[in-house]
C-alpha atoms as a PDB file:
ATOM      1  CA  MET A   1     -27.772 -22.441 -42.679  1.00  0.00           C
ATOM      2  CA  ALA A   2     -24.276 -21.118 -41.463  1.00  0.00           C
ATOM      3  CA  LEU A   3     -22.979 -17.729 -40.421  1.00  0.00           C
ATOM      4  CA  LEU A   4     -19.588 -16.212 -41.049  1.00  0.00           C
ATOM      5  CA  VAL A   5     -18.717 -13.079 -39.032  1.00  0.00           C
ATOM      6  CA  LEU A   6     -15.660 -11.130 -40.050  1.00  0.00           C
ATOM      7  CA  VAL A   7     -14.306  -8.518 -37.611  1.00  0.00           C
ATOM      8  CA  ARG A   8     -11.388  -6.229 -38.096  1.00  0.00           C
ATOM      9  CA  HIS A   9      -9.396  -5.736 -34.882  1.00  0.00           C
ATOM     10  CA  GLY A  10     -10.096  -2.738 -32.760  1.00  0.00           C
ATOM     11  CA  GLU A  11      -8.015   0.425 -33.040  1.00  0.00           C
ATOM     12  CA  SER A  12      -4.274  -0.379 -32.449  1.00  0.00           C
ATOM     13  CA  GLN A  13      -1.656   1.941 -31.002  1.00  0.00           C
ATOM     14  CA  TRP A  14      -0.106   2.461 -34.462  1.00  0.00           C
ATOM     15  CA  ASN A  15      -3.630   3.014 -36.006  1.00  0.00           C
ATOM     16  CA  LEU A  16      -3.799   5.773 -33.537  1.00  0.00           C
ATOM     17  CA  GLU A  17      -0.420   7.089 -34.426  1.00  0.00           C
ATOM     18  CA  ASN A  18      -1.172   6.791 -38.288  1.00  0.00           C
ATOM     19  CA  ARG A  19       1.725   4.363 -38.831  1.00  0.00           C
ATOM     20  CA  PHE A  20       2.089   1.502 -41.120  1.00  0.00           C
ATOM     21  CA  THR A  21       1.779  -1.515 -38.951  1.00  0.00           C
ATOM     22  CA  GLY A  22       1.731  -4.664 -41.107  1.00  0.00           C
ATOM     23  CA  TRP A  23       3.305  -7.552 -39.083  1.00  0.00           C
ATOM     24  CA  VAL A  24       4.583  -5.357 -36.179  1.00  0.00           C
ATOM     25  CA  ASP A  25       2.919  -6.811 -33.100  1.00  0.00           C
ATOM     26  CA  VAL A  26       1.393  -3.713 -31.495  1.00  0.00           C
ATOM     27  CA  PRO A  27      -1.441  -3.711 -28.845  1.00  0.00           C
ATOM     28  CA  LEU A  28      -4.922  -2.321 -28.957  1.00  0.00           C
ATOM     29  CA  THR A  29      -5.595   1.083 -27.554  1.00  0.00           C
ATOM     30  CA  GLU A  30      -8.278   1.507 -24.910  1.00  0.00           C
ATOM     31  CA  LYS A  31     -10.560   2.683 -27.661  1.00  0.00           C
ATOM     32  CA  GLY A  32      -9.707  -0.503 -29.517  1.00  0.00           C
ATOM     33  CA  ARG A  33     -10.841  -2.570 -26.566  1.00  0.00           C
ATOM     34  CA  ALA A  34     -14.000  -0.621 -26.408  1.00  0.00           C
ATOM     35  CA  GLU A  35     -14.524  -1.352 -30.095  1.00  0.00           C
ATOM     36  CA  ALA A  36     -13.993  -5.079 -29.511  1.00  0.00           C
ATOM     37  CA  ARG A  37     -16.586  -5.039 -26.552  1.00  0.00           C
ATOM     38  CA  ARG A  38     -19.050  -3.296 -28.914  1.00  0.00           C
ATOM     39  CA  ALA A  39     -18.486  -5.838 -31.602  1.00  0.00           C
ATOM     40  CA  GLY A  40     -19.206  -8.548 -28.979  1.00  0.00           C
ATOM     41  CA  GLU A  41     -22.484  -7.001 -28.030  1.00  0.00           C
ATOM     42  CA  LYS A  42     -23.517  -6.875 -31.579  1.00  0.00           C
ATOM     43  CA  VAL A  43     -22.977 -10.600 -32.205  1.00  0.00           C
ATOM     44  CA  ARG A  44     -24.067 -11.741 -28.601  1.00  0.00           C
ATOM     45  CA  HIS A  45     -27.136 -13.556 -30.277  1.00  0.00           C
ATOM     46  CA  ILE A  46     -24.941 -15.666 -32.350  1.00  0.00           C
ATOM     47  CA  HIS A  47     -23.665 -19.094 -31.087  1.00  0.00           C
ATOM     48  CA  PHE A  48     -20.331 -19.689 -32.751  1.00  0.00           C
ATOM     49  CA  ASP A  49     -18.883 -23.224 -33.351  1.00  0.00           C
ATOM     50  CA  ARG A  50     -15.297 -22.101 -34.202  1.00  0.00           C
ATOM     51  CA  ALA A  51     -13.092 -19.034 -34.455  1.00  0.00           C
ATOM     52  CA  TYR A  52     -10.105 -17.971 -36.553  1.00  0.00           C
ATOM     53  CA  THR A  53      -7.547 -15.321 -35.974  1.00  0.00           C
ATOM     54  CA  SER A  54      -4.165 -13.999 -37.175  1.00  0.00           C
ATOM     55  CA  VAL A  55      -1.215 -14.406 -34.710  1.00  0.00           C
ATOM     56  CA  LEU A  56      -1.013 -10.695 -34.092  1.00  0.00           C
ATOM     57  CA  GLN A  57      -2.023  -9.516 -30.624  1.00  0.00           C
ATOM     58  CA  ARG A  58      -4.420  -6.807 -31.851  1.00  0.00           C
ATOM     59  CA  ALA A  59      -6.384  -9.489 -33.565  1.00  0.00           C
ATOM     60  CA  THR A  60      -6.230 -12.156 -30.838  1.00  0.00           C
ATOM     61  CA  GLU A  61      -7.031  -9.522 -28.189  1.00  0.00           C
ATOM     62  CA  THR A  62     -10.014  -8.403 -30.045  1.00  0.00           C
ATOM     63  CA  LEU A  63     -11.296 -12.065 -30.421  1.00  0.00           C
ATOM     64  CA  ASP A  64     -10.693 -12.665 -26.661  1.00  0.00           C
ATOM     65  CA  ILE A  65     -12.664  -9.660 -25.761  1.00  0.00           C
ATOM     66  CA  ILE A  66     -15.579 -10.610 -28.073  1.00  0.00           C
ATOM     67  CA  LEU A  67     -15.633 -14.166 -26.772  1.00  0.00           C
ATOM     68  CA  ASP A  68     -15.746 -12.909 -23.223  1.00  0.00           C
ATOM     69  CA  VAL A  69     -18.557 -10.458 -23.975  1.00  0.00           C
ATOM     70  CA  ILE A  70     -20.687 -13.261 -25.570  1.00  0.00           C
ATOM     71  CA  GLY A  71     -19.825 -15.863 -22.968  1.00  0.00           C
ATOM     72  CA  GLN A  72     -18.083 -18.312 -25.400  1.00  0.00           C
ATOM     73  CA  THR A  73     -14.469 -18.357 -23.975  1.00  0.00           C
ATOM     74  CA  GLY A  74     -14.211 -22.042 -24.530  1.00  0.00           C
ATOM     75  CA  LEU A  75     -14.673 -21.879 -28.334  1.00  0.00           C
ATOM     76  CA  PRO A  76     -12.073 -23.740 -30.340  1.00  0.00           C
ATOM     77  CA  VAL A  77      -9.713 -21.165 -31.826  1.00  0.00           C
ATOM     78  CA  ALA A  78      -7.200 -21.526 -34.809  1.00  0.00           C
ATOM     79  CA  TYR A  79      -4.329 -19.219 -34.958  1.00  0.00           C
ATOM     80  CA  ASP A  80      -2.514 -18.698 -38.267  1.00  0.00           C
ATOM     81  CA  GLN A  81      -0.316 -16.054 -39.876  1.00  0.00           C
ATOM     82  CA  ALA A  82      -2.188 -16.592 -43.122  1.00  0.00           C
ATOM     83  CA  LEU A  83      -4.661 -14.224 -41.543  1.00  0.00           C
ATOM     84  CA  ASN A  84      -2.063 -11.674 -40.707  1.00  0.00           C
ATOM     85  CA  GLU A  85      -2.263  -8.065 -42.032  1.00  0.00           C
ATOM     86  CA  ARG A  86      -0.524  -7.187 -45.316  1.00  0.00           C
ATOM     87  CA  HIS A  87       3.229  -7.004 -44.756  1.00  0.00           C
ATOM     88  CA  TYR A  88       4.263  -3.294 -45.496  1.00  0.00           C
ATOM     89  CA  GLY A  89       8.068  -3.938 -45.674  1.00  0.00           C
ATOM     90  CA  ASP A  90      10.285  -1.017 -45.264  1.00  0.00           C
ATOM     91  CA  LEU A  91       7.213   1.114 -44.526  1.00  0.00           C
ATOM     92  CA  GLN A  92       6.438  -0.625 -41.247  1.00  0.00           C
ATOM     93  CA  GLY A  93       6.642   1.665 -38.264  1.00  0.00           C
ATOM     94  CA  LEU A  94       6.729   4.812 -40.453  1.00  0.00           C
ATOM     95  CA  ASN A  95       4.159   7.549 -40.047  1.00  0.00           C
ATOM     96  CA  LYS A  96       2.011   7.837 -43.166  1.00  0.00           C
ATOM     97  CA  ALA A  97       2.599  11.544 -43.568  1.00  0.00           C
ATOM     98  CA  GLU A  98       6.382  11.001 -43.093  1.00  0.00           C
ATOM     99  CA  THR A  99       6.270   8.296 -45.646  1.00  0.00           C
ATOM    100  CA  ALA A 100       4.706  10.715 -48.155  1.00  0.00           C
ATOM    101  CA  GLU A 101       7.485  13.106 -47.588  1.00  0.00           C
ATOM    102  CA  LYS A 102      10.223  10.492 -47.857  1.00  0.00           C
ATOM    103  CA  PHE A 103       8.988   8.628 -51.018  1.00  0.00           C
ATOM    104  CA  GLY A 104       6.465  11.072 -52.524  1.00  0.00           C
ATOM    105  CA  LYS A 105       2.809  11.274 -52.099  1.00  0.00           C
ATOM    106  CA  GLU A 106       1.831   9.633 -55.486  1.00  0.00           C
ATOM    107  CA  GLN A 107       4.248   6.733 -54.905  1.00  0.00           C
ATOM    108  CA  VAL A 108       2.876   6.031 -51.404  1.00  0.00           C
ATOM    109  CA  HIS A 109      -0.718   6.251 -52.845  1.00  0.00           C
ATOM    110  CA  ILE A 110       0.349   3.634 -55.412  1.00  0.00           C
ATOM    111  CA  TRP A 111       1.626   1.286 -52.766  1.00  0.00           C
ATOM    112  CA  ARG A 112      -1.430   1.694 -50.606  1.00  0.00           C
ATOM    113  CA  ARG A 113      -4.146   1.633 -53.326  1.00  0.00           C
ATOM    114  CA  SER A 114      -2.937  -0.466 -56.149  1.00  0.00           C
ATOM    115  CA  TYR A 115      -3.910  -4.109 -56.226  1.00  0.00           C
ATOM    116  CA  ASP A 116      -0.464  -5.656 -57.260  1.00  0.00           C
ATOM    117  CA  VAL A 117       2.265  -3.127 -56.640  1.00  0.00           C
ATOM    118  CA  ALA A 118       4.200  -3.978 -53.343  1.00  0.00           C
ATOM    119  CA  PRO A 119       6.070  -1.531 -51.215  1.00  0.00           C
ATOM    120  CA  PRO A 120       9.824  -2.285 -50.808  1.00  0.00           C
ATOM    121  CA  GLY A 121      10.306  -5.568 -48.916  1.00  0.00           C
ATOM    122  CA  GLY A 122       6.554  -5.936 -48.565  1.00  0.00           C
ATOM    123  CA  GLU A 123       3.356  -7.289 -49.937  1.00  0.00           C
ATOM    124  CA  SER A 124       0.765  -6.122 -52.347  1.00  0.00           C
ATOM    125  CA  LEU A 125      -2.907  -6.803 -51.665  1.00  0.00           C
ATOM    126  CA  LYS A 126      -2.582  -9.464 -54.420  1.00  0.00           C
ATOM    127  CA  ASP A 127       0.262 -11.042 -52.325  1.00  0.00           C
ATOM    128  CA  THR A 128      -1.858 -10.993 -49.119  1.00  0.00           C
ATOM    129  CA  ALA A 129      -4.721 -12.497 -50.995  1.00  0.00           C
ATOM    130  CA  ALA A 130      -2.383 -15.345 -52.283  1.00  0.00           C
ATOM    131  CA  ARG A 131      -1.913 -16.480 -48.626  1.00  0.00           C
ATOM    132  CA  THR A 132      -5.129 -15.680 -47.123  1.00  0.00           C
ATOM    133  CA  LEU A 133      -7.554 -17.141 -49.626  1.00  0.00           C
ATOM    134  CA  PRO A 134      -6.087 -20.607 -49.745  1.00  0.00           C
ATOM    135  CA  TYR A 135      -6.357 -20.766 -46.012  1.00  0.00           C
ATOM    136  CA  PHE A 136      -9.902 -19.568 -46.083  1.00  0.00           C
ATOM    137  CA  GLN A 137     -10.904 -22.016 -48.808  1.00  0.00           C
ATOM    138  CA  SER A 138      -9.216 -25.032 -47.156  1.00  0.00           C
ATOM    139  CA  ARG A 139     -10.002 -24.267 -43.446  1.00  0.00           C
ATOM    140  CA  ILE A 140     -12.992 -21.966 -43.115  1.00  0.00           C
ATOM    141  CA  LEU A 141     -15.184 -22.779 -46.057  1.00  0.00           C
ATOM    142  CA  PRO A 142     -15.429 -26.506 -44.957  1.00  0.00           C
ATOM    143  CA  ASP A 143     -16.841 -25.391 -41.494  1.00  0.00           C
ATOM    144  CA  LEU A 144     -19.417 -23.226 -43.156  1.00  0.00           C
ATOM    145  CA  ARG A 145     -20.391 -26.121 -45.514  1.00  0.00           C
ATOM    146  CA  ALA A 146     -20.844 -28.226 -42.558  1.00  0.00           C
ATOM    147  CA  GLY A 147     -23.377 -25.732 -41.195  1.00  0.00           C
ATOM    148  CA  GLN A 148     -21.073 -24.171 -38.569  1.00  0.00           C
ATOM    149  CA  ASN A 149     -21.172 -20.531 -37.455  1.00  0.00           C
ATOM    150  CA  VAL A 150     -17.606 -19.162 -37.686  1.00  0.00           C
ATOM    151  CA  LEU A 151     -16.041 -15.968 -36.280  1.00  0.00           C
ATOM    152  CA  VAL A 152     -12.916 -14.526 -37.901  1.00  0.00           C
ATOM    153  CA  SER A 153     -10.822 -11.790 -36.119  1.00  0.00           C
ATOM    154  CA  ALA A 154      -8.228 -10.452 -38.498  1.00  0.00           C
ATOM    155  CA  HIS A 155      -7.019  -7.295 -40.293  1.00  0.00           C
ATOM    156  CA  GLY A 156      -7.952  -4.682 -42.857  1.00  0.00           C
ATOM    157  CA  ASN A 157      -6.268  -6.291 -45.731  1.00  0.00           C
ATOM    158  CA  SER A 158      -6.581  -9.990 -45.067  1.00  0.00           C
ATOM    159  CA  LEU A 159     -10.283  -9.439 -44.570  1.00  0.00           C
ATOM    160  CA  ARG A 160     -10.578  -7.326 -47.734  1.00  0.00           C
ATOM    161  CA  SER A 161      -9.115 -10.327 -49.567  1.00  0.00           C
ATOM    162  CA  ILE A 162     -11.841 -12.559 -48.183  1.00  0.00           C
ATOM    163  CA  VAL A 163     -14.593  -9.889 -48.955  1.00  0.00           C
ATOM    164  CA  MET A 164     -13.316  -9.560 -52.467  1.00  0.00           C
ATOM    165  CA  GLU A 165     -13.734 -13.250 -52.859  1.00  0.00           C
ATOM    166  CA  LEU A 166     -17.145 -13.490 -51.425  1.00  0.00           C
ATOM    167  CA  ASP A 167     -18.565 -10.345 -53.115  1.00  0.00           C
ATOM    168  CA  HIS A 168     -16.961 -10.999 -56.426  1.00  0.00           C
ATOM    169  CA  LEU A 169     -15.224  -7.563 -56.390  1.00  0.00           C
ATOM    170  CA  SER A 170     -12.992  -6.443 -59.091  1.00  0.00           C
ATOM    171  CA  ARG A 171      -9.441  -5.062 -58.507  1.00  0.00           C
ATOM    172  CA  GLU A 172     -10.714  -1.549 -58.822  1.00  0.00           C
ATOM    173  CA  GLN A 173     -13.705  -2.273 -56.421  1.00  0.00           C
ATOM    174  CA  VAL A 174     -11.584  -3.772 -53.699  1.00  0.00           C
ATOM    175  CA  MET A 175      -9.244  -0.849 -53.651  1.00  0.00           C
ATOM    176  CA  GLU A 176     -12.175   1.395 -52.624  1.00  0.00           C
ATOM    177  CA  LEU A 177     -13.194  -0.979 -49.903  1.00  0.00           C
ATOM    178  CA  ASN A 178     -12.423   0.136 -46.375  1.00  0.00           C
ATOM    179  CA  LEU A 179     -13.294  -2.009 -43.341  1.00  0.00           C
ATOM    180  CA  ALA A 180     -13.872  -0.117 -40.138  1.00  0.00           C
ATOM    181  CA  THR A 181     -12.212  -1.357 -36.823  1.00  0.00           C
ATOM    182  CA  GLY A 182     -14.399  -3.283 -34.624  1.00  0.00           C
ATOM    183  CA  VAL A 183     -17.406  -3.609 -36.910  1.00  0.00           C
ATOM    184  CA  PRO A 184     -18.711  -7.173 -37.552  1.00  0.00           C
ATOM    185  CA  ILE A 185     -19.822  -8.094 -41.111  1.00  0.00           C
ATOM    186  CA  VAL A 186     -22.127 -11.099 -41.085  1.00  0.00           C
ATOM    187  CA  TYR A 187     -22.629 -13.398 -44.040  1.00  0.00           C
ATOM    188  CA  GLU A 188     -25.458 -16.033 -44.148  1.00  0.00           C
ATOM    189  CA  PHE A 189     -24.875 -19.096 -46.282  1.00  0.00           C
ATOM    190  CA  ASP A 190     -27.140 -21.897 -47.409  1.00  0.00           C
ATOM    191  CA  PRO A 191     -25.811 -25.565 -47.433  1.00  0.00           C
ATOM    192  CA  GLU A 192     -24.262 -25.040 -51.037  1.00  0.00           C
ATOM    193  CA  LEU A 193     -22.339 -21.914 -49.746  1.00  0.00           C
ATOM    194  CA  LYS A 194     -24.638 -19.605 -51.643  1.00  0.00           C
ATOM    195  CA  ILE A 195     -24.687 -16.199 -49.784  1.00  0.00           C
ATOM    196  CA  LEU A 196     -28.297 -15.505 -48.639  1.00  0.00           C
ATOM    197  CA  SER A 197     -27.550 -12.200 -46.922  1.00  0.00           C
ATOM    198  CA  LYS A 198     -24.824  -9.770 -45.801  1.00  0.00           C
ATOM    199  CA  ARG A 199     -25.167  -7.266 -43.027  1.00  0.00           C
ATOM    200  CA  ILE A 200     -22.752  -4.723 -41.582  1.00  0.00           C
ATOM    201  CA  LEU A 201     -23.413  -4.295 -37.838  1.00  0.00           C
ATOM    202  CA  ASP A 202     -22.252  -0.709 -37.605  1.00  0.00           C
ATOM    203  CA  ALA A 203     -25.493   0.849 -36.151  1.00  0.00           C
END
């Protein structure tokens, strides 16, 4: 048996300000740090063998807080931009309401909610999956196959790519998938990597 725990980082400063963040390296808010502590409490019962995170501080700080709460600060951690958030290109830093005024509400909705239409200079969800999933398959799945428990701290869109793969979601289904900040998702696998259970620890 092996466990995979996916956690979207706690609230960031630009989440609070309703801005497109992407690869801009903004910090957590105090609420985000509290969300990370709560996430740690919810997975305190799990002994992890390895952790993975993006290189952006909102994800790395979330991971650091979780590991501190569960008393596993010496855990081996891999950092990789393959797990970074979707790059929003020219939209990065813009308030979402202002972006709708500038480009039109319908166009912004297409950029945010279509699977394969990218904003100017940025990535679509399909593009994000094209870098996240090969990393997941080559680095994380072998750990799970070896029976290890793995913790991943990353972002809404990189994690949506992974959930899409694990849950066999269609393009339409994944566009309706929203991952809350600081809420652990726990998958249990058998030795053949068949999913035995999935739990969202939001209670």
